[in-house]
């Protein structure tokens, strides 16, 4: 994709999807951020979900001050990380449906903000 990474408030100025769900065996966040400001990735081998935003300004534009720190408590016990990246509880294996549930919860949080 030749699209630039959507950052900050500009990330919310598009009508297309704001949360991208990917299922991948390799890390491609640098490419995925060109498609959406919030990426929810499922690593099948490790059965874990990772959530990321390209930078702090974008995370805060999507989720308010603190960025993804606001999402961890909504997603449930054990979810955590930093303001721009984190994921599912360590040691807990999740199924593919968890990635879609996570994306839905993040979309609701973004709309409420």
Protein backbone atom coordinates (compact mmCIF):
# COMPACT_ATOMS: atom_id res chain seq x y z
CA UNK A 1 0.00 0.00 0.00
CA UNK A 2 1.31 3.41 -0.95
CA UNK A 3 -0.96 5.21 1.46
CA UNK A 4 0.81 7.28 4.12
CA UNK A 5 0.48 6.26 7.75
CA UNK A 6 -2.52 8.09 9.18
CA UNK A 7 -1.46 9.91 12.31
CA UNK A 8 -3.06 12.06 14.98
CA UNK A 9 -6.40 13.71 14.33
CA UNK A 10 -5.98 13.03 10.58
CA UNK A 11 -6.37 9.34 11.38
CA UNK A 12 -10.02 9.97 12.24
CA UNK A 13 -10.77 12.05 9.15
CA UNK A 14 -11.44 9.11 6.86
CA UNK A 15 -14.78 7.38 6.29
CA UNK A 16 -13.31 3.90 5.91
CA UNK A 17 -12.61 1.39 8.67
CA UNK A 18 -10.61 2.71 11.59
CA UNK A 19 -9.75 -0.68 13.09
CA UNK A 20 -7.92 -3.23 10.95
CA UNK A 21 -8.05 -6.91 11.92
CA UNK A 22 -5.17 -9.04 10.67
CA UNK A 23 -4.22 -12.68 11.05
CA UNK A 24 -0.54 -13.08 10.43
CA UNK A 25 2.49 -15.14 11.23
CA UNK A 26 4.79 -12.15 10.75
CA UNK A 27 4.86 -8.64 12.19
CA UNK A 28 3.69 -6.08 9.64
CA UNK A 29 2.47 -3.18 11.75
CA UNK A 30 4.48 -0.68 9.68
CA UNK A 31 2.46 -1.72 6.60
CA UNK A 32 -0.85 -2.22 8.42
CA UNK A 33 -0.78 1.31 9.88
CA UNK A 34 -1.09 2.60 6.31
CA UNK A 35 -4.52 0.94 6.17
CA UNK A 36 -5.92 1.97 9.57
CA UNK A 37 -4.83 3.88 12.68
CA UNK A 38 -5.68 0.96 14.99
CA UNK A 39 -4.52 -2.58 14.24
CA UNK A 40 -5.69 -5.73 16.01
CA UNK A 41 -3.44 -8.66 15.13
CA UNK A 42 -3.94 -12.35 15.88
CA UNK A 43 -0.86 -14.54 16.15
CA UNK A 44 -2.28 -18.02 15.64
CA UNK A 45 0.79 -19.97 16.76
CA UNK A 46 0.93 -18.13 20.08
CA UNK A 47 -2.88 -17.72 20.26
CA UNK A 48 -2.56 -14.10 21.34
CA UNK A 49 -3.98 -10.75 20.31
CA UNK A 50 -1.86 -7.61 19.90
CA UNK A 51 -3.33 -4.12 19.56
CA UNK A 52 -1.33 -1.17 18.26
CA UNK A 53 -1.43 2.45 17.11
CA UNK A 54 1.45 4.03 15.15
CA UNK A 55 2.22 6.72 17.74
CA UNK A 56 0.98 8.48 20.86
CA UNK A 57 -0.82 11.31 19.01
CA UNK A 58 -2.84 8.81 16.99
CA UNK A 59 -3.65 6.63 20.02
CA UNK A 60 -4.86 9.71 21.92
CA UNK A 61 -6.91 10.94 18.94
CA UNK A 62 -8.64 7.54 18.89
CA UNK A 63 -8.96 6.78 22.61
CA UNK A 64 -8.38 10.04 24.51
CA UNK A 65 -5.51 11.06 26.82
CA UNK A 66 -3.40 7.99 27.61
CA UNK A 67 -4.30 6.31 24.31
CA UNK A 68 -4.64 2.54 24.59
CA UNK A 69 -4.26 2.72 28.37
CA UNK A 70 -8.01 3.51 28.28
CA UNK A 71 -8.68 0.33 26.30
CA UNK A 72 -6.96 -2.18 28.59
CA UNK A 73 -9.50 -1.85 31.42
CA UNK A 74 -12.38 -2.12 28.92
CA UNK A 75 -10.92 -5.27 27.35
CA UNK A 76 -10.70 -7.03 30.70
CA UNK A 77 -8.45 -8.48 33.35
CA UNK A 78 -4.90 -9.14 32.24
CA UNK A 79 -5.01 -7.01 29.08
CA UNK A 80 -2.32 -4.38 29.12
CA UNK A 81 0.65 -2.63 27.67
CA UNK A 82 1.56 0.94 26.88
CA UNK A 83 -0.38 3.82 25.38
CA UNK A 84 0.46 2.73 21.85
CA UNK A 85 0.76 -1.08 21.96
CA UNK A 86 -0.16 -4.04 24.09
CA UNK A 87 -2.31 -7.10 24.10
CA UNK A 88 -4.07 -10.05 25.58
CA UNK A 89 -3.23 -11.56 28.98
CA UNK A 90 0.12 -13.35 29.11
CA UNK A 91 -0.11 -17.10 29.19
CA UNK A 92 -3.78 -17.12 28.13
CA UNK A 93 -4.44 -18.71 24.74
CA UNK A 94 -7.23 -17.07 22.76
CA UNK A 95 -9.16 -18.22 19.70
CA UNK A 96 -9.60 -16.31 16.46
CA UNK A 97 -12.98 -15.00 17.63
CA UNK A 98 -11.16 -12.98 20.31
CA UNK A 99 -9.59 -10.75 17.68
CA UNK A 100 -13.02 -9.77 16.32
CA UNK A 101 -14.41 -9.24 19.83
CA UNK A 102 -11.42 -7.02 20.59
CA UNK A 103 -11.92 -4.97 17.42
CA UNK A 104 -15.64 -4.54 18.20
CA UNK A 105 -14.85 -3.36 21.75
CA UNK A 106 -12.27 -0.87 20.45
CA UNK A 107 -14.70 0.50 17.85
CA UNK A 108 -17.31 1.04 20.59
CA UNK A 109 -14.71 2.81 22.75
CA UNK A 110 -13.69 5.05 19.83
CA UNK A 111 -17.31 5.98 19.11
CA UNK A 112 -17.98 6.80 22.78
CA UNK A 113 -14.91 9.05 22.90
